[in-house]
Protein backbone atom coordinates (compact mmCIF):
# COMPACT_ATOMS: atom_id res chain seq x y z
CA UNK A 1 86.87 91.86 92.20
CA UNK A 2 88.09 89.85 95.17
CA UNK A 3 91.17 90.88 97.14
CA UNK A 4 93.73 88.18 98.04
CA UNK A 5 96.32 90.29 99.88
CA UNK A 6 96.69 93.70 101.52
CA UNK A 7 99.51 96.23 101.40
CA UNK A 8 99.47 99.22 103.76
CA UNK A 9 101.30 101.59 101.42
CA UNK A 10 103.20 101.39 98.14
CA UNK A 11 106.61 101.70 99.86
CA UNK A 12 106.07 98.40 101.73
CA UNK A 13 108.03 95.39 100.44
CA UNK A 14 105.44 92.77 101.39
CA UNK A 15 101.72 92.21 101.37
CA UNK A 16 99.66 90.08 103.78
CA UNK A 17 97.56 87.23 102.40
CA UNK A 18 93.92 87.50 103.53
CA UNK A 19 92.38 84.39 101.91
CA UNK A 20 93.01 80.67 102.26
CA UNK A 21 94.40 78.18 99.76
CA UNK A 22 96.64 80.35 97.56
CA UNK A 23 98.69 78.01 95.38
CA UNK A 24 101.97 78.41 93.53
CA UNK A 25 101.50 79.83 90.04
CA UNK A 26 98.28 81.72 90.78
CA UNK A 27 97.89 85.35 89.81
CA UNK A 28 96.38 87.14 92.80
CA UNK A 29 95.00 90.61 93.43
CA UNK A 30 96.15 92.98 96.16
CA UNK A 31 94.89 96.29 97.47
CA UNK A 32 97.33 99.05 98.46
CA UNK A 33 95.28 100.79 101.14
CA UNK A 34 96.97 104.19 101.47
CA UNK A 35 97.02 104.83 97.72
CA UNK A 36 93.72 102.97 97.11
CA UNK A 37 95.19 100.99 94.22
CA UNK A 38 94.92 97.37 93.16
CA UNK A 39 97.86 95.32 91.93
CA UNK A 40 98.34 91.82 90.51
CA UNK A 41 101.12 89.43 91.51
CA UNK A 42 101.96 85.89 90.43
CA UNK A 43 102.91 83.80 93.47
CA UNK A 44 105.80 81.35 93.37
CA UNK A 45 104.86 79.28 96.46
CA UNK A 46 101.74 78.22 98.29
CA UNK A 47 101.14 80.99 100.87
CA UNK A 48 98.93 80.47 103.94
CA UNK A 49 96.45 83.07 105.13
CA UNK A 50 98.10 85.67 107.38
CA UNK A 51 101.56 85.13 105.87
CA UNK A 52 103.52 87.57 103.74
CA UNK A 53 104.14 87.81 100.00
CA UNK A 54 107.28 89.51 98.60
CA UNK A 55 106.45 92.42 96.30
CA UNK A 56 110.03 92.70 95.01
CA UNK A 57 113.29 90.75 95.06
CA UNK A 58 115.33 90.85 98.29
CA UNK A 59 118.95 89.92 98.96
CA UNK A 60 120.46 88.61 102.20
CA UNK A 61 120.88 91.53 104.62
CA UNK A 62 118.08 93.65 103.12
CA UNK A 63 115.50 95.16 105.45
CA UNK A 64 111.82 94.48 104.82
CA UNK A 65 109.17 97.08 105.60
CA UNK A 66 105.50 96.36 106.34
CA UNK A 67 103.13 99.13 107.49
CA UNK A 68 106.11 101.47 106.90
CA UNK A 69 107.87 99.68 109.78
CA UNK A 70 111.10 97.64 109.75
CA UNK A 71 109.98 94.03 110.37
CA UNK A 72 113.38 92.37 110.02
CA UNK A 73 116.32 91.38 107.86
CA UNK A 74 116.44 88.92 105.01
CA UNK A 75 118.45 85.76 105.81
CA UNK A 76 117.92 83.92 102.51
CA UNK A 77 117.30 85.41 99.04
CA UNK A 78 113.63 86.11 98.30
CA UNK A 79 112.16 86.53 94.82
CA UNK A 80 109.17 88.69 94.01
CA UNK A 81 106.09 86.51 94.51
CA UNK A 82 107.63 84.22 97.13
CA UNK A 83 106.39 83.40 100.61
CA UNK A 84 108.08 85.54 103.28
CA UNK A 85 108.23 83.99 106.75
CA UNK A 86 110.69 82.75 109.40
CA UNK A 87 112.63 80.65 106.87
CA UNK A 88 113.89 83.77 105.06
CA UNK A 89 113.20 86.73 107.39
CA UNK A 90 114.42 87.26 110.98
CA UNK A 91 113.62 89.99 113.45
CA UNK A 92 116.39 92.42 114.40
CA UNK A 93 115.19 92.48 118.02
CA UNK A 94 117.35 89.53 119.08
């Protein structure tokens, strides 16, 4: 089985894509490292390598966690399976 994205632990809201050329509509496989589990997700957008994938729906103002760390607030609604990046997530640092 090939792994397409990684999740640090089950409580995280996003996974990180680790392969190139993921296209909208694909079902991809992820590995939750801490729990040593695999999961499947259908992606709703093309997602470049190194970018994030939403593992649940988020509303504006929600906080997203990756590696059990607050990585920012949602500035546009995000559906499970969508690309998460600067167009819908902003840091709280500034």
